[in-house]
Amino acid sequence: MLDKEFQYYLEHQDELLKVYNGKFIVIKGVSVIGNYETEVEAYSEIIKEHKPGTFLIQFCSPGKEDYFQSFHSRIVFA
């Protein structure tokens, strides 16, 4: 799930850093479709046009410390 998007980030991290360093970027397929200051802002804006689970929100920073994948679901655990 979203392997293509994460692989795109890994393969293009250096060039993405030149433009988006310190931003949360939204990747769908092999394209950056948005960049935001916070993860909450990225999610709340991108779901206006894209279905949850079809995009990756990734913090753009050098190194491997901030590698993560966010998955959002309508399931609530109590």
C-alpha atoms as a PDB file:
ATOM      1  CA  MET A   1       0.000   0.000   0.000  1.00  0.00           C
ATOM      2  CA  LEU A   2       1.503   3.280  -1.163  1.00  0.00           C
ATOM      3  CA  ASP A   3       4.804   1.531  -1.867  1.00  0.00           C
ATOM      4  CA  LYS A   4       5.123   3.352  -5.191  1.00  0.00           C
ATOM      5  CA  GLU A   5       4.759   6.727  -3.488  1.00  0.00           C
ATOM      6  CA  PHE A   6       7.294   5.951  -0.761  1.00  0.00           C
ATOM      7  CA  GLN A   7       9.744   4.544  -3.307  1.00  0.00           C
ATOM      8  CA  TYR A   8       9.350   7.750  -5.335  1.00  0.00           C
ATOM      9  CA  TYR A   9      10.243   9.771  -2.224  1.00  0.00           C
ATOM     10  CA  LEU A  10      13.306   7.624  -1.526  1.00  0.00           C
ATOM     11  CA  GLU A  11      14.555   7.817  -5.103  1.00  0.00           C
ATOM     12  CA  HIS A  12      14.017  11.588  -5.391  1.00  0.00           C
ATOM     13  CA  GLN A  13      14.723  12.712  -1.818  1.00  0.00           C
ATOM     14  CA  ASP A  14      17.734  14.855  -2.740  1.00  0.00           C
ATOM     15  CA  GLU A  15      15.914  16.819  -5.419  1.00  0.00           C
ATOM     16  CA  LEU A  16      12.740  17.095  -3.317  1.00  0.00           C
ATOM     17  CA  LEU A  17      14.807  18.573  -0.473  1.00  0.00           C
ATOM     18  CA  LYS A  18      15.890  21.446  -2.708  1.00  0.00           C
ATOM     19  CA  VAL A  19      12.255  22.523  -3.061  1.00  0.00           C
ATOM     20  CA  TYR A  20      10.363  21.146  -0.029  1.00  0.00           C
ATOM     21  CA  ASN A  21      12.843  20.867   2.852  1.00  0.00           C
ATOM     22  CA  GLY A  22      10.976  21.124   6.155  1.00  0.00           C
ATOM     23  CA  LYS A  23       7.536  20.723   4.560  1.00  0.00           C
ATOM     24  CA  PHE A  24       5.005  17.919   4.583  1.00  0.00           C
ATOM     25  CA  ILE A  25       4.611  16.829   0.991  1.00  0.00           C
ATOM     26  CA  VAL A  26       1.751  14.822  -0.466  1.00  0.00           C
ATOM     27  CA  ILE A  27       2.739  12.247  -3.064  1.00  0.00           C
ATOM     28  CA  LYS A  28       0.269  10.453  -5.304  1.00  0.00           C
ATOM     29  CA  GLY A  29       1.707   8.014  -7.812  1.00  0.00           C
ATOM     30  CA  VAL A  30       5.000   9.552  -8.848  1.00  0.00           C
ATOM     31  CA  SER A  31       4.072  13.209  -8.351  1.00  0.00           C
ATOM     32  CA  VAL A  32       4.074  15.719  -5.514  1.00  0.00           C
ATOM     33  CA  ILE A  33       0.526  17.082  -5.445  1.00  0.00           C
ATOM     34  CA  GLY A  34       0.887  19.430  -2.484  1.00  0.00           C
ATOM     35  CA  ASN A  35       3.146  20.797   0.228  1.00  0.00           C
ATOM     36  CA  TYR A  36       2.143  22.064   3.648  1.00  0.00           C
ATOM     37  CA  GLU A  37       3.548  23.309   6.951  1.00  0.00           C
ATOM     38  CA  THR A  38       1.897  20.604   9.084  1.00  0.00           C
ATOM     39  CA  GLU A  39       0.672  17.040   8.601  1.00  0.00           C
ATOM     40  CA  VAL A  40      -2.803  18.030   9.798  1.00  0.00           C
ATOM     41  CA  GLU A  41      -2.998  20.811   7.221  1.00  0.00           C
ATOM     42  CA  ALA A  42      -1.766  18.458   4.489  1.00  0.00           C
ATOM     43  CA  TYR A  43      -4.381  15.832   5.310  1.00  0.00           C
ATOM     44  CA  SER A  44      -7.300  18.214   5.789  1.00  0.00           C
ATOM     45  CA  GLU A  45      -6.605  19.982   2.490  1.00  0.00           C
ATOM     46  CA  ILE A  46      -5.783  16.975   0.330  1.00  0.00           C
ATOM     47  CA  ILE A  47      -8.877  14.954   1.274  1.00  0.00           C
ATOM     48  CA  LYS A  48     -10.988  17.686  -0.294  1.00  0.00           C
ATOM     49  CA  GLU A  49      -9.957  16.334  -3.707  1.00  0.00           C
ATOM     50  CA  HIS A  50      -8.407  12.894  -3.094  1.00  0.00           C
ATOM     51  CA  LYS A  51      -9.732   9.788  -1.382  1.00  0.00           C
ATOM     52  CA  PRO A  52      -7.915   8.743   1.821  1.00  0.00           C
ATOM     53  CA  GLY A  53      -5.531   5.863   1.191  1.00  0.00           C
ATOM     54  CA  THR A  54      -4.611   7.074  -2.295  1.00  0.00           C
ATOM     55  CA  PHE A  55      -1.765   9.385  -1.273  1.00  0.00           C
ATOM     56  CA  LEU A  56       1.267   9.509   1.003  1.00  0.00           C
ATOM     57  CA  ILE A  57       2.043  12.360   3.387  1.00  0.00           C
ATOM     58  CA  GLN A  58       5.794  12.540   4.011  1.00  0.00           C
ATOM     59  CA  PHE A  59       7.884  15.034   5.975  1.00  0.00           C
ATOM     60  CA  CYS A  60      10.663  16.150   3.651  1.00  0.00           C
ATOM     61  CA  SER A  61      14.004  16.260   5.455  1.00  0.00           C
ATOM     62  CA  PRO A  62      17.565  15.002   4.922  1.00  0.00           C
ATOM     63  CA  GLY A  63      18.548  11.556   6.133  1.00  0.00           C
ATOM     64  CA  LYS A  64      16.357   8.680   7.255  1.00  0.00           C
ATOM     65  CA  GLU A  65      15.093   9.975  10.618  1.00  0.00           C
ATOM     66  CA  ASP A  66      11.749  11.156   9.255  1.00  0.00           C
ATOM     67  CA  TYR A  67      10.855   8.179   7.101  1.00  0.00           C
ATOM     68  CA  PHE A  68       7.286   7.283   7.876  1.00  0.00           C
ATOM     69  CA  GLN A  69       4.084   6.414   6.165  1.00  0.00           C
ATOM     70  CA  SER A  70       0.711   7.726   7.270  1.00  0.00           C
ATOM     71  CA  PHE A  71      -2.319   5.577   6.721  1.00  0.00           C
ATOM     72  CA  HIS A  72      -5.730   6.946   7.549  1.00  0.00           C
ATOM     73  CA  SER A  73      -8.802   4.845   8.088  1.00  0.00           C
ATOM     74  CA  ARG A  74     -12.377   5.382   9.138  1.00  0.00           C
ATOM     75  CA  ILE A  75     -11.972   2.642  11.772  1.00  0.00           C
ATOM     76  CA  VAL A  76     -11.907   3.851  15.375  1.00  0.00           C
ATOM     77  CA  PHE A  77     -10.428   1.720  18.147  1.00  0.00           C
ATOM     78  CA  ALA A  78     -11.881   2.245  21.598  1.00  0.00           C
END
